[in-house]
Amino acid sequence: MAKVILATASYDSTIRFWEAPSGISFRTVQYTDSQVNRLAITPDKTYLAAAGNPHIRFFEVNSYNSAPITSFDGHSGNVTALGFQRDGKWMFTGSEDGTVKIWDLRASGCQRDYDCSSPINTVALHPNQAELICGLQNGTIRVWDLAENRCTREYIPDGEVAVRSISIAPDASQVVAANNKGHCFVWKLGPSDTPVFDPLQKLKAHQTYILKALYSPDAKLLATTSADSTIKIWTVDEKGLKLFKVLSGHQRWVWDCMFSADSAYVVSASSDLSARLWALASGETIRHYTSHNKAVTCVALADY
């Protein structure tokens, strides 16, 4: 059975590691330099990366060492997006400083720097590992081709409404962008790259801010989290999205979510001081994670 890594970060200046089945917090890392905007686990499950302001710090997963083992410095504002190449060779980050950066994890410093000319809220890596799609505060979506080292296309789906979250289906069939008005824009993608964003659907998914949109690992579901305190689960097919379940229980904004590897569960993070584990078959909360004493802003899960 795979070792489950579950971590959350909070405005209480801590990162907590949890026993996912029991809900017990077994390790706390003090993080006092800034808030943590995003958490991600390296593909080999060795390190937890925390995106702060303006740095990214790595913590060992399989130890109780609370000091970061390395720091990535180069951004000049909040780091709002964070992810890894499939084999863990490099990391990508996006920041309110308007840049996307690529960091070779086997070397020092930042290897590439792409200027988006607006604060970045979200960055997603195409499954082809060769393109980054960025969502900006000014409402623009930009596609960066890593082989050509340039921005290859730009979209403005909803005027100047900030793009809050972008997700690409793991089978590369679709991309979704969610914004501050509660709209989801769904496009059909080509099989290997993004020569065309073929518009598929515009959906009023929530009545207020969408904070996270995420496709499930099997590409059959999409989760959206919102300032309305709900998580909505949508079925995905070639026609677009259809509402499947509304997960209700959080009392305040739901900032982040992650799917389990089998796409059967979702873990969520909320301003109500808690994280929750949901069974999608029933739509019920099956575990509460409640040791933080301020808003829980992000979550990371690795159960593969």
C-alpha atoms as a PDB file:
ATOM      1  CA  MET A   1       0.000   0.000   0.000  1.00  0.00           C
ATOM      2  CA  ALA A   2       1.318   3.441  -0.936  1.00  0.00           C
ATOM      3  CA  LYS A   3       2.408   5.742   1.855  1.00  0.00           C
ATOM      4  CA  VAL A   4      -0.071   8.613   2.074  1.00  0.00           C
ATOM      5  CA  ILE A   5       1.372  12.103   2.468  1.00  0.00           C
ATOM      6  CA  LEU A   6      -1.123  14.762   3.484  1.00  0.00           C
ATOM      7  CA  ALA A   7      -0.034  18.276   4.417  1.00  0.00           C
ATOM      8  CA  THR A   8      -1.778  21.599   4.974  1.00  0.00           C
ATOM      9  CA  ALA A   9      -0.617  25.169   5.506  1.00  0.00           C
ATOM     10  CA  SER A  10      -2.359  27.936   7.384  1.00  0.00           C
ATOM     11  CA  TYR A  11      -2.267  31.609   8.255  1.00  0.00           C
ATOM     12  CA  ASP A  12      -1.298  30.391  11.751  1.00  0.00           C
ATOM     13  CA  SER A  13       2.305  30.165  10.428  1.00  0.00           C
ATOM     14  CA  THR A  14       2.431  26.370  10.446  1.00  0.00           C
ATOM     15  CA  ILE A  15       2.548  23.512   8.001  1.00  0.00           C
ATOM     16  CA  ARG A  16       1.023  20.322   9.378  1.00  0.00           C
ATOM     17  CA  PHE A  17       1.449  16.723   8.302  1.00  0.00           C
ATOM     18  CA  TRP A  18      -1.513  14.418   8.948  1.00  0.00           C
ATOM     19  CA  GLU A  19      -2.331  10.780   9.308  1.00  0.00           C
ATOM     20  CA  ALA A  20      -4.973  10.805   6.594  1.00  0.00           C
ATOM     21  CA  PRO A  21      -7.131   7.921   7.923  1.00  0.00           C
ATOM     22  CA  SER A  22      -7.222   9.042  11.567  1.00  0.00           C
ATOM     23  CA  GLY A  23      -7.179  12.826  11.236  1.00  0.00           C
ATOM     24  CA  ILE A  24      -4.274  13.106  13.690  1.00  0.00           C
ATOM     25  CA  SER A  25      -1.635  15.775  13.090  1.00  0.00           C
ATOM     26  CA  PHE A  26       1.706  14.099  13.787  1.00  0.00           C
ATOM     27  CA  ARG A  27       4.170  16.798  12.697  1.00  0.00           C
ATOM     28  CA  THR A  28       4.168  20.588  12.725  1.00  0.00           C
ATOM     29  CA  VAL A  29       6.622  22.809  10.873  1.00  0.00           C
ATOM     30  CA  GLN A  30       6.789  26.446  11.957  1.00  0.00           C
ATOM     31  CA  TYR A  31       6.776  28.754   8.932  1.00  0.00           C
ATOM     32  CA  THR A  32       7.013  32.316  10.191  1.00  0.00           C
ATOM     33  CA  ASP A  33       8.683  34.170   7.305  1.00  0.00           C
ATOM     34  CA  SER A  34       5.469  34.665   5.309  1.00  0.00           C
ATOM     35  CA  GLN A  35       2.141  33.073   4.581  1.00  0.00           C
ATOM     36  CA  VAL A  36       2.201  29.876   2.508  1.00  0.00           C
ATOM     37  CA  ASN A  37       0.296  30.245  -0.755  1.00  0.00           C
ATOM     38  CA  ARG A  38       0.775  26.799  -2.250  1.00  0.00           C
ATOM     39  CA  LEU A  39       2.069  23.353  -1.290  1.00  0.00           C
ATOM     40  CA  ALA A  40       3.322  20.621  -3.614  1.00  0.00           C
ATOM     41  CA  ILE A  41       4.994  17.252  -3.097  1.00  0.00           C
ATOM     42  CA  THR A  42       7.883  16.227  -5.340  1.00  0.00           C
ATOM     43  CA  PRO A  43       7.050  13.286  -7.645  1.00  0.00           C
ATOM     44  CA  ASP A  44       9.411  10.982  -5.706  1.00  0.00           C
ATOM     45  CA  LYS A  45       7.564  11.961  -2.473  1.00  0.00           C
ATOM     46  CA  THR A  46      10.833  13.036  -0.832  1.00  0.00           C
ATOM     47  CA  TYR A  47      10.166  16.757  -0.315  1.00  0.00           C
ATOM     48  CA  LEU A  48       7.290  19.105   0.403  1.00  0.00           C
ATOM     49  CA  ALA A  49       7.628  22.424  -1.406  1.00  0.00           C
ATOM     50  CA  ALA A  50       6.078  25.521   0.166  1.00  0.00           C
ATOM     51  CA  ALA A  51       5.523  28.659  -1.902  1.00  0.00           C
ATOM     52  CA  GLY A  52       5.710  31.818   0.212  1.00  0.00           C
ATOM     53  CA  ASN A  53       6.657  35.447  -0.217  1.00  0.00           C
ATOM     54  CA  PRO A  54       8.911  35.662  -2.126  1.00  0.00           C
ATOM     55  CA  HIS A  55      10.663  32.298  -1.792  1.00  0.00           C
ATOM     56  CA  ILE A  56      10.038  28.569  -2.242  1.00  0.00           C
ATOM     57  CA  ARG A  57      11.313  26.259   0.490  1.00  0.00           C
ATOM     58  CA  PHE A  58      11.714  22.478   0.519  1.00  0.00           C
ATOM     59  CA  PHE A  59      11.096  20.367   3.614  1.00  0.00           C
ATOM     60  CA  GLU A  60      11.947  16.704   4.052  1.00  0.00           C
ATOM     61  CA  VAL A  61       8.864  14.493   4.081  1.00  0.00           C
ATOM     62  CA  ASN A  62      10.308  11.482   5.881  1.00  0.00           C
ATOM     63  CA  SER A  63      11.861  13.199   8.864  1.00  0.00           C
ATOM     64  CA  TYR A  64      11.014  15.452  11.774  1.00  0.00           C
ATOM     65  CA  ASN A  65      13.540  18.080  10.732  1.00  0.00           C
ATOM     66  CA  SER A  66      11.566  21.324  10.780  1.00  0.00           C
ATOM     67  CA  ALA A  67      14.226  23.379   9.001  1.00  0.00           C
ATOM     68  CA  PRO A  68      14.015  23.756   5.220  1.00  0.00           C
ATOM     69  CA  ILE A  69      16.692  21.806   3.396  1.00  0.00           C
ATOM     70  CA  THR A  70      16.844  24.293   0.522  1.00  0.00           C
ATOM     71  CA  SER A  71      15.396  27.617  -0.561  1.00  0.00           C
ATOM     72  CA  PHE A  72      14.706  28.892  -4.074  1.00  0.00           C
ATOM     73  CA  ASP A  73      15.078  32.657  -4.231  1.00  0.00           C
ATOM     74  CA  GLY A  74      14.522  34.881  -7.246  1.00  0.00           C
ATOM     75  CA  HIS A  75      10.926  36.058  -7.185  1.00  0.00           C
ATOM     76  CA  SER A  76      10.165  39.515  -5.783  1.00  0.00           C
ATOM     77  CA  GLY A  77       6.529  38.915  -4.808  1.00  0.00           C
ATOM     78  CA  ASN A  78       4.132  36.280  -3.523  1.00  0.00           C
ATOM     79  CA  VAL A  79       4.703  32.897  -5.191  1.00  0.00           C
ATOM     80  CA  THR A  80       1.183  31.813  -6.150  1.00  0.00           C
ATOM     81  CA  ALA A  81       1.811  28.796  -8.383  1.00  0.00           C
ATOM     82  CA  LEU A  82       4.069  25.782  -7.986  1.00  0.00           C
ATOM     83  CA  GLY A  83       4.478  22.423  -9.703  1.00  0.00           C
ATOM     84  CA  PHE A  84       6.898  19.810 -10.991  1.00  0.00           C
ATOM     85  CA  GLN A  85       7.895  18.196 -14.240  1.00  0.00           C
ATOM     86  CA  ARG A  86       6.653  14.601 -14.287  1.00  0.00           C
ATOM     87  CA  ASP A  87      10.032  13.059 -13.420  1.00  0.00           C
ATOM     88  CA  GLY A  88      10.904  15.735 -10.871  1.00  0.00           C
ATOM     89  CA  LYS A  89      13.777  17.154 -12.901  1.00  0.00           C
ATOM     90  CA  TRP A  90      12.544  20.722 -12.716  1.00  0.00           C
ATOM     91  CA  MET A  91      10.044  22.925 -10.928  1.00  0.00           C
ATOM     92  CA  PHE A  92       7.918  25.761 -12.273  1.00  0.00           C
ATOM     93  CA  THR A  93       6.665  28.712 -10.247  1.00  0.00           C
ATOM     94  CA  GLY A  94       4.500  31.758 -10.881  1.00  0.00           C
ATOM     95  CA  SER A  95       4.364  34.929  -8.845  1.00  0.00           C
ATOM     96  CA  GLU A  96       2.595  38.208  -8.266  1.00  0.00           C
ATOM     97  CA  ASP A  97       5.831  39.750  -9.574  1.00  0.00           C
ATOM     98  CA  GLY A  98       4.525  38.834 -13.058  1.00  0.00           C
ATOM     99  CA  THR A  99       7.080  36.147 -13.875  1.00  0.00           C
ATOM    100  CA  VAL A 100       7.051  32.406 -14.428  1.00  0.00           C
ATOM    101  CA  LYS A 101      10.324  30.752 -13.508  1.00  0.00           C
ATOM    102  CA  ILE A 102      11.768  27.303 -14.182  1.00  0.00           C
ATOM    103  CA  TRP A 103      14.238  25.803 -11.731  1.00  0.00           C
ATOM    104  CA  ASP A 104      16.441  22.805 -12.489  1.00  0.00           C
ATOM    105  CA  LEU A 105      16.372  20.842  -9.238  1.00  0.00           C
ATOM    106  CA  ARG A 106      19.827  19.413  -9.960  1.00  0.00           C
ATOM    107  CA  ALA A 107      21.412  22.856 -10.318  1.00  0.00           C
ATOM    108  CA  SER A 108      21.328  26.161  -8.480  1.00  0.00           C
ATOM    109  CA  GLY A 109      19.380  29.247  -9.390  1.00  0.00           C
ATOM    110  CA  CYS A 110      16.625  29.912 -11.898  1.00  0.00           C
ATOM    111  CA  GLN A 111      17.236  28.654 -15.436  1.00  0.00           C
ATOM    112  CA  ARG A 112      14.360  30.360 -17.270  1.00  0.00           C
ATOM    113  CA  ASP A 113      12.287  33.441 -16.644  1.00  0.00           C
ATOM    114  CA  TYR A 114       9.118  34.392 -18.563  1.00  0.00           C
ATOM    115  CA  ASP A 115       7.606  37.843 -18.103  1.00  0.00           C
ATOM    116  CA  CYS A 116       3.792  37.961 -18.178  1.00  0.00           C
ATOM    117  CA  SER A 117       3.508  41.701 -17.391  1.00  0.00           C
ATOM    118  CA  SER A 118       0.745  41.077 -14.836  1.00  0.00           C
ATOM    119  CA  PRO A 119       0.519  39.295 -11.478  1.00  0.00           C
ATOM    120  CA  ILE A 120       0.197  35.526 -11.955  1.00  0.00           C
ATOM    121  CA  ASN A 121      -2.487  33.614 -10.062  1.00  0.00           C
ATOM    122  CA  THR A 122      -2.134  30.144 -11.552  1.00  0.00           C
ATOM    123  CA  VAL A 123       0.156  28.035 -13.767  1.00  0.00           C
ATOM    124  CA  ALA A 124      -0.546  24.554 -15.171  1.00  0.00           C
ATOM    125  CA  LEU A 125       1.875  22.215 -16.942  1.00  0.00           C
ATOM    126  CA  HIS A 126       0.548  20.451 -20.044  1.00  0.00           C
ATOM    127  CA  PRO A 127       0.844  16.640 -19.851  1.00  0.00           C
ATOM    128  CA  ASN A 128       3.261  16.890 -22.803  1.00  0.00           C
ATOM    129  CA  GLN A 129       5.659  18.517 -20.272  1.00  0.00           C
ATOM    130  CA  ALA A 130       6.497  21.153 -22.890  1.00  0.00           C
ATOM    131  CA  GLU A 131       3.975  23.958 -22.334  1.00  0.00           C
ATOM    132  CA  LEU A 132       2.904  26.081 -19.381  1.00  0.00           C
ATOM    133  CA  ILE A 133      -0.506  27.762 -19.316  1.00  0.00           C
ATOM    134  CA  CYS A 134      -0.719  30.800 -17.047  1.00  0.00           C
ATOM    135  CA  GLY A 135      -3.721  32.685 -15.678  1.00  0.00           C
ATOM    136  CA  LEU A 136      -3.195  36.345 -14.862  1.00  0.00           C
ATOM    137  CA  GLN A 137      -4.751  38.928 -12.593  1.00  0.00           C
ATOM    138  CA  ASN A 138      -5.552  41.120 -15.612  1.00  0.00           C
ATOM    139  CA  GLY A 139      -7.789  38.399 -17.128  1.00  0.00           C
ATOM    140  CA  THR A 140      -5.296  37.085 -19.678  1.00  0.00           C
ATOM    141  CA  ILE A 141      -4.292  33.462 -20.314  1.00  0.00           C
ATOM    142  CA  ARG A 142      -0.852  32.899 -21.804  1.00  0.00           C
ATOM    143  CA  VAL A 143       0.652  29.729 -23.245  1.00  0.00           C
ATOM    144  CA  TRP A 144       4.437  29.402 -23.008  1.00  0.00           C
ATOM    145  CA  ASP A 145       6.189  26.885 -25.265  1.00  0.00           C
ATOM    146  CA  LEU A 146       9.242  25.606 -23.405  1.00  0.00           C
ATOM    147  CA  ALA A 147      10.926  24.233 -26.533  1.00  0.00           C
ATOM    148  CA  GLU A 148      10.530  27.491 -28.463  1.00  0.00           C
ATOM    149  CA  ASN A 149      11.091  29.507 -25.278  1.00  0.00           C
ATOM    150  CA  ARG A 150       8.337  31.987 -26.094  1.00  0.00           C
ATOM    151  CA  CYS A 151       4.683  32.856 -25.572  1.00  0.00           C
ATOM    152  CA  THR A 152       2.834  31.180 -28.439  1.00  0.00           C
ATOM    153  CA  ARG A 153      -0.729  32.353 -27.777  1.00  0.00           C
ATOM    154  CA  GLU A 154      -2.837  34.544 -25.593  1.00  0.00           C
ATOM    155  CA  TYR A 155      -6.533  34.492 -24.663  1.00  0.00           C
ATOM    156  CA  ILE A 156      -8.781  36.915 -22.799  1.00  0.00           C
ATOM    157  CA  PRO A 157     -11.937  34.932 -22.005  1.00  0.00           C
ATOM    158  CA  ASP A 158     -13.814  37.419 -19.796  1.00  0.00           C
ATOM    159  CA  GLY A 159     -12.362  40.901 -20.188  1.00  0.00           C
ATOM    160  CA  GLU A 160     -10.301  42.044 -17.216  1.00  0.00           C
ATOM    161  CA  VAL A 161     -11.821  39.540 -14.749  1.00  0.00           C
ATOM    162  CA  ALA A 162      -8.909  37.864 -12.941  1.00  0.00           C
ATOM    163  CA  VAL A 163      -8.213  34.254 -13.924  1.00  0.00           C
ATOM    164  CA  ARG A 164      -7.958  32.490 -10.578  1.00  0.00           C
ATOM    165  CA  SER A 165      -7.227  28.851 -11.489  1.00  0.00           C
ATOM    166  CA  ILE A 166      -6.300  26.797 -14.558  1.00  0.00           C
ATOM    167  CA  SER A 167      -6.300  23.010 -14.846  1.00  0.00           C
ATOM    168  CA  ILE A 168      -5.469  20.721 -17.757  1.00  0.00           C
ATOM    169  CA  ALA A 169      -7.077  17.280 -17.960  1.00  0.00           C
ATOM    170  CA  PRO A 170      -4.432  14.552 -17.446  1.00  0.00           C
ATOM    171  CA  ASP A 171      -5.411  13.028 -20.808  1.00  0.00           C
ATOM    172  CA  ALA A 172      -4.844  16.472 -22.405  1.00  0.00           C
ATOM    173  CA  SER A 173      -8.391  16.529 -23.779  1.00  0.00           C
ATOM    174  CA  GLN A 174      -9.476  19.782 -22.126  1.00  0.00           C
ATOM    175  CA  VAL A 175      -8.323  22.849 -20.257  1.00  0.00           C
ATOM    176  CA  VAL A 176     -10.464  24.852 -17.840  1.00  0.00           C
ATOM    177  CA  ALA A 177      -9.976  28.396 -16.578  1.00  0.00           C
ATOM    178  CA  ALA A 178     -11.952  29.650 -13.570  1.00  0.00           C
ATOM    179  CA  ASN A 179     -12.290  33.298 -12.645  1.00  0.00           C
ATOM    180  CA  ASN A 180     -13.336  35.799 -10.002  1.00  0.00           C
ATOM    181  CA  LYS A 181     -16.901  35.994 -11.323  1.00  0.00           C
ATOM    182  CA  GLY A 182     -17.523  32.281 -10.808  1.00  0.00           C
ATOM    183  CA  HIS A 183     -17.234  31.456 -14.501  1.00  0.00           C
ATOM    184  CA  CYS A 184     -15.544  28.345 -15.884  1.00  0.00           C
ATOM    185  CA  PHE A 185     -14.320  28.427 -19.457  1.00  0.00           C
ATOM    186  CA  VAL A 186     -13.672  25.016 -21.000  1.00  0.00           C
ATOM    187  CA  TRP A 187     -11.679  24.471 -24.170  1.00  0.00           C
ATOM    188  CA  LYS A 188     -10.965  21.332 -26.166  1.00  0.00           C
ATOM    189  CA  LEU A 189      -7.256  20.700 -26.727  1.00  0.00           C
ATOM    190  CA  GLY A 190      -5.230  18.910 -29.370  1.00  0.00           C
ATOM    191  CA  PRO A 191      -3.708  15.559 -28.352  1.00  0.00           C
ATOM    192  CA  SER A 192      -0.079  16.624 -28.068  1.00  0.00           C
ATOM    193  CA  ASP A 193       0.020  20.404 -27.827  1.00  0.00           C
ATOM    194  CA  THR A 194      -2.232  23.447 -27.860  1.00  0.00           C
ATOM    195  CA  PRO A 195      -2.326  24.690 -31.465  1.00  0.00           C
ATOM    196  CA  VAL A 196      -5.926  25.748 -30.912  1.00  0.00           C
ATOM    197  CA  PHE A 197      -8.092  26.349 -27.874  1.00  0.00           C
ATOM    198  CA  ASP A 198     -11.410  25.112 -29.279  1.00  0.00           C
ATOM    199  CA  PRO A 199     -14.165  26.719 -27.130  1.00  0.00           C
ATOM    200  CA  LEU A 200     -16.375  24.048 -25.598  1.00  0.00           C
ATOM    201  CA  GLN A 201     -18.345  25.644 -22.776  1.00  0.00           C
ATOM    202  CA  LYS A 202     -18.816  28.760 -20.660  1.00  0.00           C
ATOM    203  CA  LEU A 203     -20.399  27.910 -17.338  1.00  0.00           C
ATOM    204  CA  LYS A 204     -21.569  29.933 -14.335  1.00  0.00           C
ATOM    205  CA  ALA A 205     -20.221  27.425 -11.828  1.00  0.00           C
ATOM    206  CA  HIS A 206     -20.491  29.587  -8.683  1.00  0.00           C
ATOM    207  CA  GLN A 207     -22.069  32.942  -7.838  1.00  0.00           C
ATOM    208  CA  THR A 208     -18.805  34.336  -6.495  1.00  0.00           C
ATOM    209  CA  TYR A 209     -15.038  33.754  -6.706  1.00  0.00           C
ATOM    210  CA  ILE A 210     -13.778  30.363  -7.803  1.00  0.00           C
ATOM    211  CA  LEU A 211     -10.526  29.773  -5.939  1.00  0.00           C
ATOM    212  CA  LYS A 212      -9.451  26.423  -7.417  1.00  0.00           C
ATOM    213  CA  ALA A 213     -10.413  24.276 -10.397  1.00  0.00           C
ATOM    214  CA  LEU A 214      -8.874  20.828 -10.724  1.00  0.00           C
ATOM    215  CA  TYR A 215      -9.369  17.814 -12.984  1.00  0.00           C
ATOM    216  CA  SER A 216      -9.284  14.386 -11.386  1.00  0.00           C
ATOM    217  CA  PRO A 217      -6.441  11.976 -12.228  1.00  0.00           C
ATOM    218  CA  ASP A 218      -8.795   9.853 -14.366  1.00  0.00           C
ATOM    219  CA  ALA A 219      -9.967  13.015 -16.220  1.00  0.00           C
ATOM    220  CA  LYS A 220     -13.616  12.124 -15.571  1.00  0.00           C
ATOM    221  CA  LEU A 221     -14.326  14.772 -12.924  1.00  0.00           C
ATOM    222  CA  LEU A 222     -13.596  18.421 -12.220  1.00  0.00           C
ATOM    223  CA  ALA A 223     -13.660  20.010  -8.760  1.00  0.00           C
ATOM    224  CA  THR A 224     -14.254  23.722  -8.206  1.00  0.00           C
ATOM    225  CA  THR A 225     -13.837  25.415  -4.824  1.00  0.00           C
ATOM    226  CA  SER A 226     -15.305  28.785  -4.033  1.00  0.00           C
ATOM    227  CA  ALA A 227     -15.768  31.703  -1.680  1.00  0.00           C
ATOM    228  CA  ASP A 228     -19.363  30.431  -1.349  1.00  0.00           C
ATOM    229  CA  SER A 229     -17.977  27.721   1.036  1.00  0.00           C
ATOM    230  CA  THR A 230     -18.799  24.807  -1.299  1.00  0.00           C
ATOM    231  CA  ILE A 231     -16.890  22.392  -3.481  1.00  0.00           C
ATOM    232  CA  LYS A 232     -18.700  21.396  -6.657  1.00  0.00           C
ATOM    233  CA  ILE A 233     -17.887  18.186  -8.495  1.00  0.00           C
ATOM    234  CA  TRP A 234     -18.593  18.126 -12.232  1.00  0.00           C
ATOM    235  CA  THR A 235     -18.605  15.208 -14.637  1.00  0.00           C
ATOM    236  CA  VAL A 236     -16.417  15.723 -17.703  1.00  0.00           C
ATOM    237  CA  ASP A 237     -17.116  14.537 -21.241  1.00  0.00           C
ATOM    238  CA  GLU A 238     -16.565  15.726 -24.799  1.00  0.00           C
ATOM    239  CA  LYS A 239     -19.451  18.199 -24.436  1.00  0.00           C
ATOM    240  CA  GLY A 240     -18.072  19.844 -21.311  1.00  0.00           C
ATOM    241  CA  LEU A 241     -19.050  19.872 -17.639  1.00  0.00           C
ATOM    242  CA  LYS A 242     -22.216  18.734 -15.869  1.00  0.00           C
ATOM    243  CA  LEU A 243     -22.888  19.138 -12.140  1.00  0.00           C
ATOM    244  CA  PHE A 244     -22.541  15.854 -10.254  1.00  0.00           C
ATOM    245  CA  LYS A 245     -22.340  16.722  -6.539  1.00  0.00           C
ATOM    246  CA  VAL A 246     -22.187  19.740  -4.246  1.00  0.00           C
ATOM    247  CA  LEU A 247     -19.974  19.119  -1.220  1.00  0.00           C
ATOM    248  CA  SER A 248     -21.375  21.234   1.613  1.00  0.00           C
ATOM    249  CA  GLY A 249     -19.988  21.465   5.129  1.00  0.00           C
ATOM    250  CA  HIS A 250     -17.251  24.093   5.177  1.00  0.00           C
ATOM    251  CA  GLN A 251     -18.355  27.337   6.811  1.00  0.00           C
ATOM    252  CA  ARG A 252     -16.084  29.769   4.958  1.00  0.00           C
ATOM    253  CA  TRP A 253     -14.069  30.134   1.756  1.00  0.00           C
ATOM    254  CA  VAL A 254     -12.639  26.904   0.339  1.00  0.00           C
ATOM    255  CA  TRP A 255      -9.195  27.804  -0.961  1.00  0.00           C
ATOM    256  CA  ASP A 256      -7.772  24.580  -2.286  1.00  0.00           C
ATOM    257  CA  CYS A 257      -8.447  20.930  -3.030  1.00  0.00           C
ATOM    258  CA  MET A 258      -6.715  17.762  -4.204  1.00  0.00           C
ATOM    259  CA  PHE A 259      -8.022  14.477  -5.582  1.00  0.00           C
ATOM    260  CA  SER A 260      -6.854  11.085  -4.378  1.00  0.00           C
ATOM    261  CA  ALA A 261      -4.982   9.023  -6.960  1.00  0.00           C
ATOM    262  CA  ASP A 262      -8.047   6.842  -7.619  1.00  0.00           C
ATOM    263  CA  SER A 263     -10.265   9.941  -8.149  1.00  0.00           C
ATOM    264  CA  ALA A 264     -12.674   8.684  -5.451  1.00  0.00           C
ATOM    265  CA  TYR A 265     -11.867  11.220  -2.729  1.00  0.00           C
ATOM    266  CA  VAL A 266     -11.187  14.945  -2.410  1.00  0.00           C
ATOM    267  CA  VAL A 267      -9.368  16.755   0.373  1.00  0.00           C
ATOM    268  CA  SER A 268     -10.156  20.461   0.826  1.00  0.00           C
ATOM    269  CA  ALA A 269      -8.743  23.451   2.729  1.00  0.00           C
ATOM    270  CA  SER A 270     -10.881  26.261   4.124  1.00  0.00           C
ATOM    271  CA  SER A 271     -10.876  29.544   6.023  1.00  0.00           C
ATOM    272  CA  ASP A 272     -13.027  27.791   8.652  1.00  0.00           C
ATOM    273  CA  LEU A 273      -9.718  26.537  10.178  1.00  0.00           C
ATOM    274  CA  SER A 274     -10.152  23.001   8.837  1.00  0.00           C
ATOM    275  CA  ALA A 275      -9.380  20.595   6.061  1.00  0.00           C
ATOM    276  CA  ARG A 276     -11.793  17.813   5.124  1.00  0.00           C
ATOM    277  CA  LEU A 277     -11.675  14.482   3.347  1.00  0.00           C
ATOM    278  CA  TRP A 278     -14.721  13.780   1.187  1.00  0.00           C
ATOM    279  CA  ALA A 279     -15.974  10.531  -0.335  1.00  0.00           C
ATOM    280  CA  LEU A 280     -17.308  11.460  -3.760  1.00  0.00           C
ATOM    281  CA  ALA A 281     -19.637   8.453  -4.026  1.00  0.00           C
ATOM    282  CA  SER A 282     -21.662   9.715  -1.062  1.00  0.00           C
ATOM    283  CA  GLY A 283     -20.719  13.395  -1.096  1.00  0.00           C
ATOM    284  CA  GLU A 284     -20.067  13.175   2.649  1.00  0.00           C
ATOM    285  CA  THR A 285     -17.166  14.298   4.824  1.00  0.00           C
ATOM    286  CA  ILE A 286     -15.429  11.203   6.171  1.00  0.00           C
ATOM    287  CA  ARG A 287     -12.589  12.930   8.061  1.00  0.00           C
ATOM    288  CA  HIS A 288     -11.962  16.347   9.619  1.00  0.00           C
ATOM    289  CA  TYR A 289      -8.455  17.810  10.081  1.00  0.00           C
ATOM    290  CA  THR A 290      -8.804  20.450  12.787  1.00  0.00           C
ATOM    291  CA  SER A 291      -5.563  21.458  14.536  1.00  0.00           C
ATOM    292  CA  HIS A 292      -4.958  24.793  12.780  1.00  0.00           C
ATOM    293  CA  ASN A 293      -6.145  27.946  14.531  1.00  0.00           C
ATOM    294  CA  LYS A 294      -6.371  30.234  11.499  1.00  0.00           C
ATOM    295  CA  ALA A 295      -7.485  29.854   7.882  1.00  0.00           C
ATOM    296  CA  VAL A 296      -6.157  26.786   6.052  1.00  0.00           C
ATOM    297  CA  THR A 297      -4.995  28.088   2.683  1.00  0.00           C
ATOM    298  CA  CYS A 298      -3.554  25.113   0.817  1.00  0.00           C
ATOM    299  CA  VAL A 299      -3.249  21.350   0.833  1.00  0.00           C
ATOM    300  CA  ALA A 300      -0.976  18.728  -0.714  1.00  0.00           C
ATOM    301  CA  LEU A 301      -1.767  15.027  -1.105  1.00  0.00           C
ATOM    302  CA  ALA A 302       0.245  12.125  -2.478  1.00  0.00           C
ATOM    303  CA  ASP A 303      -1.304   8.658  -2.105  1.00  0.00           C
ATOM    304  CA  TYR A 304       0.059   6.978  -5.231  1.00  0.00           C
END
